[in-house]
Structure formats: structure tokens, C-alpha cells
Protein backbone atom coordinates (compact mmCIF):
# COMPACT_ATOMS: atom_id res chain seq x y z
CA UNK A 1 16.03 -28.21 -6.38
CA UNK A 2 17.31 -31.78 -6.98
CA UNK A 3 17.63 -32.99 -10.55
CA UNK A 4 18.15 -36.71 -11.24
CA UNK A 5 19.99 -37.89 -14.33
CA UNK A 6 18.85 -41.50 -14.80
CA UNK A 7 18.39 -44.13 -17.49
CA UNK A 8 15.96 -47.03 -17.59
CA UNK A 9 15.85 -50.07 -19.81
CA UNK A 10 14.31 -53.55 -19.54
CA UNK A 11 16.04 -55.83 -17.06
CA UNK A 12 18.48 -53.19 -15.84
CA UNK A 13 18.45 -50.17 -13.60
CA UNK A 14 21.26 -47.64 -13.83
CA UNK A 15 22.08 -44.17 -12.59
CA UNK A 16 23.98 -41.70 -14.72
CA UNK A 17 27.59 -41.62 -13.64
CA UNK A 18 29.82 -40.61 -16.55
CA UNK A 19 32.71 -39.85 -14.20
CA UNK A 20 32.64 -43.37 -12.79
CA UNK A 21 32.09 -45.26 -16.05
CA UNK A 22 34.34 -48.18 -16.93
CA UNK A 23 35.03 -50.10 -20.13
CA UNK A 24 33.95 -53.31 -18.43
CA UNK A 25 30.41 -52.09 -17.84
CA UNK A 26 27.90 -54.53 -19.25
CA UNK A 27 25.66 -51.71 -20.37
CA UNK A 28 26.10 -48.77 -22.70
CA UNK A 29 29.48 -46.96 -22.82
CA UNK A 30 29.76 -44.22 -20.22
CA UNK A 31 27.23 -45.78 -17.81
CA UNK A 32 27.74 -48.01 -14.78
CA UNK A 33 25.17 -50.49 -13.47
CA UNK A 34 25.24 -50.71 -9.70
CA UNK A 35 23.84 -54.03 -8.49
CA UNK A 36 22.02 -54.71 -5.18
CA UNK A 37 22.94 -51.37 -3.59
CA UNK A 38 22.29 -47.90 -5.03
CA UNK A 39 25.32 -45.78 -4.36
CA UNK A 40 24.74 -42.12 -5.13
CA UNK A 41 27.42 -39.43 -5.15
CA UNK A 42 26.86 -35.75 -5.79
CA UNK A 43 28.02 -36.27 -9.35
CA UNK A 44 25.77 -39.32 -9.71
CA UNK A 45 22.64 -37.20 -9.19
CA UNK A 46 24.54 -34.08 -9.92
CA UNK A 47 23.29 -32.58 -13.13
CA UNK A 48 23.50 -29.48 -10.89
CA UNK A 49 26.00 -30.94 -8.39
CA UNK A 50 23.69 -29.96 -5.55
CA UNK A 51 23.79 -33.16 -3.47
CA UNK A 52 26.97 -33.01 -1.39
CA UNK A 53 26.83 -36.21 0.60
CA UNK A 54 26.96 -39.88 -0.34
CA UNK A 55 23.70 -41.76 0.15
CA UNK A 56 23.42 -45.52 0.79
CA UNK A 57 20.24 -47.55 0.33
CA UNK A 58 19.90 -51.19 1.40
CA UNK A 59 19.57 -53.87 -1.27
CA UNK A 60 16.02 -54.36 -2.55
CA UNK A 61 14.26 -55.81 -5.58
CA UNK A 62 14.65 -53.84 -8.79
CA UNK A 63 10.94 -52.86 -9.01
CA UNK A 64 11.28 -51.13 -5.66
CA UNK A 65 14.29 -49.22 -6.98
CA UNK A 66 12.08 -47.87 -9.75
CA UNK A 67 9.34 -46.94 -7.30
CA UNK A 68 11.82 -45.18 -5.00
CA UNK A 69 13.32 -43.19 -7.84
CA UNK A 70 9.84 -42.25 -9.09
CA UNK A 71 8.93 -40.87 -5.66
CA UNK A 72 12.17 -38.84 -5.50
CA UNK A 73 11.51 -37.38 -8.95
CA UNK A 74 7.95 -36.40 -7.92
CA UNK A 75 9.21 -34.70 -4.77
CA UNK A 76 11.79 -32.78 -6.76
CA UNK A 77 9.17 -31.69 -9.29
CA UNK A 78 6.87 -30.57 -6.47
CA UNK A 79 9.63 -28.46 -4.91
CA UNK A 80 10.35 -26.93 -8.30
CA UNK A 81 6.67 -26.10 -8.94
CA UNK A 82 6.43 -24.23 -5.64
CA UNK A 83 9.35 -21.94 -6.51
CA UNK A 84 7.71 -20.57 -9.67
CA UNK A 85 4.11 -19.67 -10.36
CA UNK A 86 2.32 -18.57 -13.49
CA UNK A 87 1.06 -15.04 -12.84
CA UNK A 88 -1.07 -13.89 -15.79
CA UNK A 89 -1.62 -10.49 -14.18
CA UNK A 90 1.77 -8.81 -13.88
CA UNK A 91 1.94 -6.43 -10.90
CA UNK A 92 4.75 -3.96 -10.24
CA UNK A 93 5.14 -0.63 -8.43
CA UNK A 94 5.34 2.44 -10.67
CA UNK A 95 8.28 3.70 -8.61
CA UNK A 96 10.92 1.70 -6.73
CA UNK A 97 10.23 3.38 -3.39
CA UNK A 98 7.66 5.40 -1.45
CA UNK A 99 8.14 8.00 1.26
CA UNK A 100 5.90 8.05 4.37
CA UNK A 101 4.99 11.46 5.77
CA UNK A 102 3.09 12.91 8.72
CA UNK A 103 -0.14 14.66 7.79
CA UNK A 104 -1.98 17.34 9.70
CA UNK A 105 -4.51 14.67 10.76
CA UNK A 106 -1.91 13.04 13.02
CA UNK A 107 -1.63 10.01 10.73
CA UNK A 108 1.27 8.67 8.67
CA UNK A 109 0.47 8.62 4.96
CA UNK A 110 2.00 6.54 2.20
CA UNK A 111 1.04 7.26 -1.41
CA UNK A 112 2.10 5.29 -4.50
CA UNK A 113 0.81 3.33 -7.50
CA UNK A 114 0.87 -0.20 -8.89
CA UNK A 115 0.94 -1.06 -12.60
CA UNK A 116 -1.25 -4.05 -13.55
CA UNK A 117 -0.97 -5.74 -16.97
CA UNK A 118 -2.84 -8.83 -18.17
CA UNK A 119 -0.51 -10.98 -20.28
CA UNK A 120 -3.06 -13.76 -20.96
CA UNK A 121 -5.88 -14.04 -23.56
CA UNK A 122 -8.09 -14.96 -20.59
CA UNK A 123 -9.49 -11.82 -18.90
CA UNK A 124 -8.09 -11.13 -15.42
CA UNK A 125 -10.62 -10.05 -12.80
CA UNK A 126 -9.16 -8.51 -9.67
CA UNK A 127 -10.80 -9.65 -6.44
CA UNK A 128 -8.48 -8.27 -3.77
CA UNK A 129 -5.18 -6.45 -3.29
CA UNK A 130 -3.53 -6.50 0.12
CA UNK A 131 -0.55 -4.40 1.18
CA UNK A 132 1.61 -6.60 3.39
CA UNK A 133 4.85 -6.39 5.36
CA UNK A 134 7.63 -7.49 3.01
CA UNK A 135 9.46 -9.29 5.82
CA UNK A 136 6.29 -10.83 7.28
CA UNK A 137 3.65 -11.25 4.53
CA UNK A 138 1.11 -12.55 7.05
CA UNK A 139 0.93 -9.00 8.45
CA UNK A 140 -1.55 -6.96 6.39
CA UNK A 141 -1.42 -3.15 6.40
CA UNK A 142 -4.41 -2.58 4.11
CA UNK A 143 -6.95 -4.53 2.04
CA UNK A 144 -8.74 -3.37 -1.10
CA UNK A 145 -11.80 -5.27 -2.36
CA UNK A 146 -15.27 -4.59 -3.72
CA UNK A 147 -15.99 -0.91 -4.34
CA UNK A 148 -12.85 0.04 -2.43
CA UNK A 149 -10.81 -1.80 -5.04
CA UNK A 150 -12.63 -0.65 -8.18
CA UNK A 151 -12.61 3.01 -7.07
CA UNK A 152 -8.79 2.97 -7.06
CA UNK A 153 -8.39 1.48 -10.55
CA UNK A 154 -7.51 3.87 -13.36
CA UNK A 155 -6.97 3.46 -17.06
CA UNK A 156 -3.71 4.73 -18.51
CA UNK A 157 -5.82 7.59 -19.87
CA UNK A 158 -6.60 8.85 -16.34
CA UNK A 159 -10.19 7.59 -16.33
CA UNK A 160 -11.79 5.56 -13.56
CA UNK A 161 -11.94 1.94 -14.75
CA UNK A 162 -15.46 0.70 -15.52
CA UNK A 163 -14.87 -2.53 -13.59
CA UNK A 164 -12.12 -4.68 -12.10
CA UNK A 165 -11.67 -6.90 -15.18
CA UNK A 166 -8.53 -6.34 -17.23
CA UNK A 167 -8.58 -7.66 -20.79
CA UNK A 168 -5.69 -9.26 -22.67
CA UNK A 169 -2.78 -6.84 -23.31
CA UNK A 170 -4.48 -4.15 -21.21
CA UNK A 171 -2.97 -2.14 -18.35
CA UNK A 172 -4.48 -0.48 -15.31
CA UNK A 173 -3.03 1.79 -12.65
CA UNK A 174 -3.95 1.12 -9.03
CA UNK A 175 -3.77 4.11 -6.69
CA UNK A 176 -2.76 3.35 -3.13
CA UNK A 177 -3.19 5.92 -0.34
CA UNK A 178 -2.45 4.49 3.08
CA UNK A 179 -3.36 6.25 6.33
CA UNK A 180 -1.51 4.55 9.17
CA UNK A 181 -1.22 4.75 12.94
CA UNK A 182 2.07 6.58 13.70
CA UNK A 183 2.58 4.39 16.80
CA UNK A 184 3.01 1.29 14.62
CA UNK A 185 6.47 1.09 13.00
CA UNK A 186 6.51 0.82 9.22
CA UNK A 187 8.39 -2.11 7.65
CA UNK A 188 11.48 -1.55 5.54
CA UNK A 189 9.69 -2.76 2.44
CA UNK A 190 6.22 -3.81 1.34
CA UNK A 191 4.80 -6.59 -0.82
CA UNK A 192 1.37 -6.95 -2.40
CA UNK A 193 -0.86 -10.01 -2.16
CA UNK A 194 -3.16 -10.34 -5.16
CA UNK A 195 -6.30 -12.45 -5.53
CA UNK A 196 -7.35 -12.60 -9.18
CA UNK A 197 -9.57 -14.71 -11.41
CA UNK A 198 -7.46 -15.52 -14.43
CA UNK A 199 -5.82 -18.12 -16.63
CA UNK A 200 -4.41 -21.13 -14.75
CA UNK A 201 -1.58 -21.61 -17.25
CA UNK A 202 -0.05 -19.99 -20.33
CA UNK A 203 -1.81 -20.62 -23.63
CA UNK A 204 -2.73 -18.92 -26.90
CA UNK A 205 -6.50 -19.11 -26.34
CA UNK A 206 -8.86 -17.98 -23.56
CA UNK A 207 -9.69 -20.56 -20.90
CA UNK A 208 -12.00 -20.76 -17.91
CA UNK A 209 -10.93 -18.45 -15.09
CA UNK A 210 -9.63 -19.88 -11.83
CA UNK A 211 -8.82 -18.11 -8.57
CA UNK A 212 -5.10 -17.36 -8.30
CA UNK A 213 -3.26 -15.89 -5.32
CA UNK A 214 0.29 -14.63 -5.23
CA UNK A 215 2.46 -12.13 -3.38
CA UNK A 216 4.53 -9.85 -5.61
CA UNK A 217 5.60 -6.23 -6.31
CA UNK A 218 8.22 -5.35 -3.66
CA UNK A 219 8.39 -1.68 -2.70
CA UNK A 220 11.15 -0.07 -0.64
CA UNK A 221 10.18 2.42 2.08
CA UNK A 222 12.45 5.48 1.96
CA UNK A 223 12.84 7.63 5.07
CA UNK A 224 14.32 10.59 3.18
CA UNK A 225 11.91 13.52 3.20
CA UNK A 226 12.39 17.23 2.36
CA UNK A 227 11.53 19.79 5.03
CA UNK A 228 10.68 23.20 3.58
CA UNK A 229 9.35 26.61 4.44
CA UNK A 230 5.97 28.03 3.41
CA UNK A 231 5.35 29.01 -0.23
CA UNK A 232 3.12 31.90 0.90
CA UNK A 233 2.59 34.15 3.92
CA UNK A 234 -0.47 35.27 5.81
CA UNK A 235 -3.65 33.65 7.08
CA UNK A 236 -6.54 31.69 5.64
CA UNK A 237 -4.80 29.67 2.93
CA UNK A 238 -6.90 26.68 1.82
CA UNK A 239 -5.28 23.52 0.42
CA UNK A 240 -7.63 22.96 -2.52
CA UNK A 241 -7.33 19.73 -4.56
CA UNK A 242 -4.90 18.41 -1.96
CA UNK A 243 -3.78 15.01 -0.78
CA UNK A 244 -4.95 12.30 -0.35
CA UNK A 245 -7.52 10.10 -2.03
CA UNK A 246 -8.00 8.48 -5.41
CA UNK A 247 -10.76 10.93 -6.39
CA UNK A 248 -8.56 14.01 -6.02
CA UNK A 249 -7.87 15.85 -9.28
CA UNK A 250 -4.15 16.04 -8.70
CA UNK A 251 -3.79 12.57 -7.19
CA UNK A 252 -5.19 10.79 -10.24
CA UNK A 253 -3.49 12.96 -12.87
CA UNK A 254 -1.03 10.58 -14.47
CA UNK A 255 0.65 11.67 -17.68
CA UNK A 256 2.76 9.85 -20.27
CA UNK A 257 5.85 11.96 -20.95
CA UNK A 258 9.18 11.02 -22.51
CA UNK A 259 8.16 7.38 -22.84
CA UNK A 260 7.04 6.84 -19.23
CA UNK A 261 3.98 7.32 -17.01
CA UNK A 262 4.45 9.94 -14.29
CA UNK A 263 2.40 11.30 -11.39
CA UNK A 264 4.01 14.74 -11.22
CA UNK A 265 1.07 16.25 -9.32
CA UNK A 266 0.72 13.39 -6.81
CA UNK A 267 1.20 15.81 -3.86
CA UNK A 268 0.22 19.09 -5.53
CA UNK A 269 -1.88 21.72 -3.75
CA UNK A 270 -3.84 24.63 -5.22
CA UNK A 271 -3.55 27.35 -2.57
CA UNK A 272 -6.45 29.84 -2.39
CA UNK A 273 -6.91 32.45 0.33
CA UNK A 274 -10.01 33.27 2.38
CA UNK A 275 -10.68 36.88 3.37
CA UNK A 276 -11.64 37.94 6.88
CA UNK A 277 -15.30 37.20 6.14
CA UNK A 278 -14.53 33.64 5.02
CA UNK A 279 -14.88 34.15 1.26
CA UNK A 280 -12.56 33.43 -1.64
CA UNK A 281 -14.04 36.18 -3.84
CA UNK A 282 -16.01 39.37 -3.37
CA UNK A 283 -17.94 40.97 -6.22
CA UNK A 284 -17.88 39.70 -9.79
CA UNK A 285 -16.23 36.22 -9.79
CA UNK A 286 -15.15 36.63 -13.41
CA UNK A 287 -12.72 39.40 -12.39
CA UNK A 288 -9.40 37.99 -11.16
CA UNK A 289 -8.75 41.10 -9.06
CA UNK A 290 -11.77 40.27 -6.88
CA UNK A 291 -10.10 37.18 -5.43
CA UNK A 292 -8.40 37.66 -2.09
CA UNK A 293 -5.39 35.57 -3.13
CA UNK A 294 -4.73 37.41 -6.41
CA UNK A 295 -1.42 39.22 -6.34
CA UNK A 296 -0.08 37.54 -3.19
CA UNK A 297 3.70 37.18 -2.96
CA UNK A 298 4.97 33.70 -3.82
CA UNK A 299 8.00 32.69 -1.73
CA UNK A 300 11.01 30.43 -2.12
CA UNK A 301 10.52 27.47 0.22
CA UNK A 302 14.28 27.03 0.60
CA UNK A 303 17.65 28.15 -0.66
CA UNK A 304 18.09 27.09 -4.26
CA UNK A 305 18.82 27.82 -7.88
CA UNK A 306 16.25 28.88 -10.47
CA UNK A 307 16.30 26.43 -13.37
CA UNK A 308 13.28 27.57 -15.41
CA UNK A 309 10.81 30.43 -15.66
CA UNK A 310 7.92 31.52 -17.87
CA UNK A 311 6.68 35.09 -17.50
CA UNK A 312 4.79 36.30 -20.59
CA UNK A 313 1.34 34.67 -20.56
CA UNK A 314 -1.81 36.71 -19.97
CA UNK A 315 -4.26 35.99 -17.15
CA UNK A 316 -7.11 33.64 -17.91
CA UNK A 317 -10.62 35.00 -17.23
CA UNK A 318 -11.92 33.25 -14.06
CA UNK A 319 -14.75 30.82 -14.68
CA UNK A 320 -13.36 29.74 -18.04
CA UNK A 321 -10.53 27.56 -19.28
CA UNK A 322 -8.33 28.16 -22.31
CA UNK A 323 -9.07 26.52 -25.66
CA UNK A 324 -7.62 22.97 -25.42
CA UNK A 325 -6.07 23.44 -28.86
CA UNK A 326 -3.83 26.17 -27.43
CA UNK A 327 -2.55 24.14 -24.49
CA UNK A 328 0.93 22.62 -24.68
CA UNK A 329 3.22 20.99 -22.15
CA UNK A 330 5.08 24.29 -21.97
CA UNK A 331 2.13 26.61 -21.23
CA UNK A 332 -0.41 24.37 -19.47
CA UNK A 333 0.73 25.61 -16.05
CA UNK A 334 0.95 29.24 -17.07
CA UNK A 335 3.73 31.53 -15.92
CA UNK A 336 5.89 29.56 -13.53
CA UNK A 337 9.17 29.06 -11.68
CA UNK A 338 11.12 25.83 -11.17
CA UNK A 339 13.55 25.95 -8.26
CA UNK A 340 16.35 23.43 -7.63
CA UNK A 341 16.51 22.87 -3.86
CA UNK A 342 19.37 20.34 -4.07
CA UNK A 343 19.55 16.60 -3.35
CA UNK A 344 17.30 15.82 -6.31
CA UNK A 345 14.39 17.95 -5.07
CA UNK A 346 12.75 20.62 -7.25
CA UNK A 347 9.96 23.06 -6.33
CA UNK A 348 7.33 24.10 -8.86
CA UNK A 349 5.19 27.27 -8.69
CA UNK A 350 2.49 27.69 -11.36
CA UNK A 351 -0.15 30.17 -12.69
CA UNK A 352 1.82 33.32 -11.75
CA UNK A 353 0.87 36.81 -12.93
CA UNK A 354 2.28 38.01 -16.23
CA UNK A 355 5.47 40.00 -15.73
CA UNK A 356 5.57 39.34 -11.99
CA UNK A 357 8.42 36.81 -11.93
CA UNK A 358 11.41 38.54 -10.33
CA UNK A 359 14.05 35.86 -10.86
CA UNK A 360 15.83 34.44 -13.86
CA UNK A 361 17.28 31.06 -14.77
CA UNK A 362 20.57 30.33 -13.03
CA UNK A 363 19.93 32.83 -10.23
CA UNK A 364 20.51 31.78 -6.60
CA UNK A 365 17.68 32.58 -4.18
CA UNK A 366 17.27 32.42 -0.42
CA UNK A 367 14.41 30.95 1.56
CA UNK A 368 11.55 33.46 1.90
CA UNK A 369 12.63 35.48 -1.15
CA UNK A 370 9.77 36.67 -3.37
CA UNK A 371 9.76 34.82 -6.70
CA UNK A 372 6.64 36.35 -8.26
CA UNK A 373 2.95 37.03 -7.67
CA UNK A 374 -0.05 34.70 -7.60
CA UNK A 375 -2.13 34.92 -10.78
CA UNK A 376 -4.47 32.99 -13.05
CA UNK A 377 -2.45 32.06 -16.13
CA UNK A 378 -2.46 28.77 -18.04
CA UNK A 379 -5.02 26.02 -17.46
CA UNK A 380 -6.71 27.72 -14.51
CA UNK A 381 -10.31 28.70 -13.78
CA UNK A 382 -9.64 30.87 -10.70
CA UNK A 383 -6.60 32.60 -9.16
CA UNK A 384 -4.49 30.22 -7.08
CA UNK A 385 -0.93 29.03 -6.56
CA UNK A 386 -0.30 25.51 -7.78
CA UNK A 387 2.66 24.18 -5.78
CA UNK A 388 4.41 20.83 -5.61
CA UNK A 389 7.81 19.21 -5.20
CA UNK A 390 9.18 16.79 -7.78
CA UNK A 391 12.20 14.59 -8.43
CA UNK A 392 13.53 16.36 -11.56
CA UNK A 393 13.31 19.78 -13.23
CA UNK A 394 10.77 18.46 -15.75
CA UNK A 395 7.44 19.95 -14.72
CA UNK A 396 5.34 17.04 -16.00
CA UNK A 397 7.96 14.39 -16.80
CA UNK A 398 8.76 13.62 -13.17
CA UNK A 399 7.13 12.11 -10.11
CA UNK A 400 5.86 14.26 -7.29
CA UNK A 401 7.38 13.74 -3.86
CA UNK A 402 5.95 14.48 -0.38
CA UNK A 403 7.44 16.98 2.03
CA UNK A 404 6.97 18.56 5.44
CA UNK A 405 6.44 22.25 6.17
CA UNK A 406 8.49 23.15 9.21
CA UNK A 407 6.08 25.72 10.67
CA UNK A 408 2.38 26.31 10.09
CA UNK A 409 -0.89 26.56 11.97
CA UNK A 410 -4.12 24.70 11.25
CA UNK A 411 -6.97 27.21 11.36
CA UNK A 412 -9.67 24.73 10.37
CA UNK A 413 -10.89 22.70 7.41
CA UNK A 414 -13.60 23.25 4.82
CA UNK A 415 -16.11 20.36 4.91
CA UNK A 416 -15.37 18.16 1.92
CA UNK A 417 -19.03 17.42 1.19
CA UNK A 418 -19.91 21.13 1.08
CA UNK A 419 -17.03 21.93 -1.25
CA UNK A 420 -17.84 19.02 -3.58
CA UNK A 421 -21.48 20.07 -3.81
CA UNK A 422 -20.70 23.69 -4.68
CA UNK A 423 -20.86 24.86 -8.30
CA UNK A 424 -18.23 27.53 -7.71
CA UNK A 425 -16.05 29.05 -5.03
CA UNK A 426 -18.42 31.90 -4.20
CA UNK A 427 -20.04 32.08 -0.79
CA UNK A 428 -18.95 31.87 2.81
CA UNK A 429 -16.52 29.10 3.80
CA UNK A 430 -15.94 30.01 7.44
CA UNK A 431 -17.97 27.06 8.73
CA UNK A 432 -14.87 24.93 9.30
CA UNK A 433 -12.76 27.64 10.98
CA UNK A 434 -11.37 26.99 14.45
CA UNK A 435 -11.61 29.58 17.21
CA UNK A 436 -7.88 29.29 17.84
CA UNK A 437 -5.44 28.09 15.16
CA UNK A 438 -3.39 25.06 16.17
CA UNK A 439 0.39 25.48 15.64
CA UNK A 440 2.08 22.53 13.89
CA UNK A 441 5.61 21.62 12.91
CA UNK A 442 6.96 19.25 10.25
CA UNK A 443 3.62 18.19 8.79
CA UNK A 444 2.07 17.98 5.33
CA UNK A 445 -1.20 19.94 4.77
CA UNK A 446 -4.11 17.74 3.69
CA UNK A 447 -7.07 18.42 1.42
CA UNK A 448 -9.12 21.52 2.31
CA UNK A 449 -7.05 22.35 5.39
CA UNK A 450 -7.20 26.05 6.26
CA UNK A 451 -3.63 27.05 7.04
CA UNK A 452 -2.02 30.13 8.56
CA UNK A 453 1.55 30.79 7.53
CA UNK A 454 1.96 33.65 9.98
CA UNK A 455 3.78 31.64 12.67
CA UNK A 456 7.04 31.41 10.77
CA UNK A 457 10.20 30.67 12.78
């Protein structure tokens, strides 16, 4: 940006040049009038010293000097205005990076969130958000608009936003779940192009909305990804409430803990097992012992150190949830184990049977070692293993991270529409089973996948 330091007065035209001033100048002390020819050094224009070369202009009438200088000032102001833009809707990623992973659908998935805050008294109405290549913003990876945009907006209280308008001093969370072709290389970082109706300039009062467009919110793509073993053994394990999609229970479960918003359960799975007949439960569904998965051994997914356990809560009766007044951050996930796998990765196992936890804090465990038994403790309505990886030992005050399971087999998938329409887990769910399970390696199980963990290597 070029900044001109100049003075004007009637009958004279001068350019600021304190370093070249002389006592004989016919104008004010410290200024030099240059007649007929404008001679400009870097320090003549140089309030910022940015012009390095000497410029020479031919002699011309003084009015033309004024016109020339006016044009230069306008050009400098235009260049300055393009470098900064008023952005009433502040957009930033919740985390500084995101980790792509291969799902069992053969696609590459990328899951993260944006934080949107309206800083203007004028309401901000989102029209479109585009995920673009940070090095080449003209290359768009995904576009969100219309219902696709509004369905991904959440309040900070974990509710779906009523519309895409964000009032003054209000914040929304925008959930992004990309499913990408693995043949197309991912960029090193992403940016986000925003189209929003909002205030055209800062001001203390609401004004008419105008359409604004800007590209903001850089996000680094991290290639570091944990590879783990299976948390269970046997066949017919269903990934209930799994990744990905903004309407998933776990995916949208943000929580404010320790002064920050976290998505600890971003990649959580509730594992439930089908029996040979394709059912989760036989007999009375209010009896935990009638569920095929109840009592299954829960396994260490890697070598690690136990950092936390809880082992004294009673089972919850299936079909009911505990009194909300009794739920705390400590007991919401029931009896549990937190395992430090190293390199800033922690594994979390929840809802274990009372008294079944075999390990203690500080104990070293090996991959495949039994940690406890699957139960129905804490905030749970049916026996299952809640499992996820996270970036710190805090069960809820951390962000969930994706991972790959090194060996598994896909035995099918429960139809999502059928599962959503059901009022419970009773019935036969064998409709989506494959005749022959498909062995996989280094993939992440997706929602309602039916997985066999028998092919361990």
C-alpha cells in the first residue's frame, strides 16, 4: 500500500520532504516546494518508506499536478480497501485441523465444525457456505445452501437452528461432513467461502442487509491417524449412532466444558450385537440379560496405560433412562475405562457392568486384554458399548478423533430408514446381512454397519 504525505495551499503545490527541507524554502519550515518538475524519492512519499525508486514527471501546469496526485491517492485507497473487508459474520473452525479417514463405503471422510458469530446489530442471514481448496479457492469441494445448509446449523445448546438467520451477538455451529472421492488428492488446507446477507459496514444500529461474499476460516488437513485393534470380538456387531451426518445423536452432541465447546463424541459408536437369528434381544426387552451383547468382553484396542475407571454403578433398566437430576459429568457414561494409547490419543469405553472392570488406574495393558464387560450403566436405554477415541483424558472436555481399525469384516448394514422408523430395537434386523462378509483393513465403520471382528490378525 502506498501512502502519500502531501500538503496543499493556494498558489503552491508541495510534497512532504522533511529530510530535504532547507531554510531558504519560500514556504513553511520543514517543507520544500519543487517547481516545474515533481521529484519524488522514497522518503518524499515515504510515510511507510515503501517506494524504493526515484520517479520523474515532466513539467506541467499546477492544476494537472493536483489532478495527478488525486488519482494516485484514489488508487492507493482502492488497493487498501481490497486488502481488508468488513465481515459482520465471523467464521472460524472449532479446531485448527481435521483428519481425513477412509470409511467402509470406500470414500474419504472429513468431519469438523465451523463457529459462526454475528457481530453486527443487523441480522446475518446465511445463503451459502462453500468448502474450497486453500491454495486454489476457485476449486470447490462442497457447497451448502438451502435445506442442506439449514440442516447443518446448530445452536450452542445442541438444537437444530430454526432458520439460517443469526441475530446480533448470537453464535451458531455449522457441522461439516464431507464424503470425497479417494482418487482425488486432498489439499493441504481448506478455506470457506461464505455468502451472507448482512450489514455493509460497522455501525451501532441495524441497517438494510446487503449480499456479502468472503473467503475465510483456514483449516489445516492433518494426515496423522491412529490405527487400532477391535474393541470387541465375535460376529454381528452393529455400529449404532455412528458416523457420519449432522442428524446423528453423537455427531451433533456438542458440550461446553471447562470454558470451551467440545465434540467429544464426534466419532463415537454404540456397539450392539445381533444374535444368529438377526435380533438384538430375545424375550422381555426390559431385562438386560436378554440382550445378546450383554456381558461381552470389552478389549483394549492397543497397548496403553489406564488413566481412569469407574466400576460401582448399577445397571439401568432397559427402556428407561435415569432421572436427569442424578446425572453428572462423572456418571453420565456409567462405569467406564479411559486408556492412554500414547501420542495424545485416548480410548474411552462406557456403560460397563458393575464390578466387571478388571484394571486399575496406572496399570499397563496389552492390545486384546479384557478390560471389563459390556453393560447398561449410566445414561443408557439398552445394553451397548459406547466407544470413541479422544485427544485428552477428559471424557467430555475433549474433541473426538477418527481412527482406522486394522482388521474387520463388513457383514452387511441395517437399512437406515427401517432403523429410524422403529420404536425400539426388538424384531429381526437380518435384512441387510450379506451372504459372505467382506474382509476390510484400515477402515472406519460407518453408521449401522454390521461388523465381524472374528478375522483378527
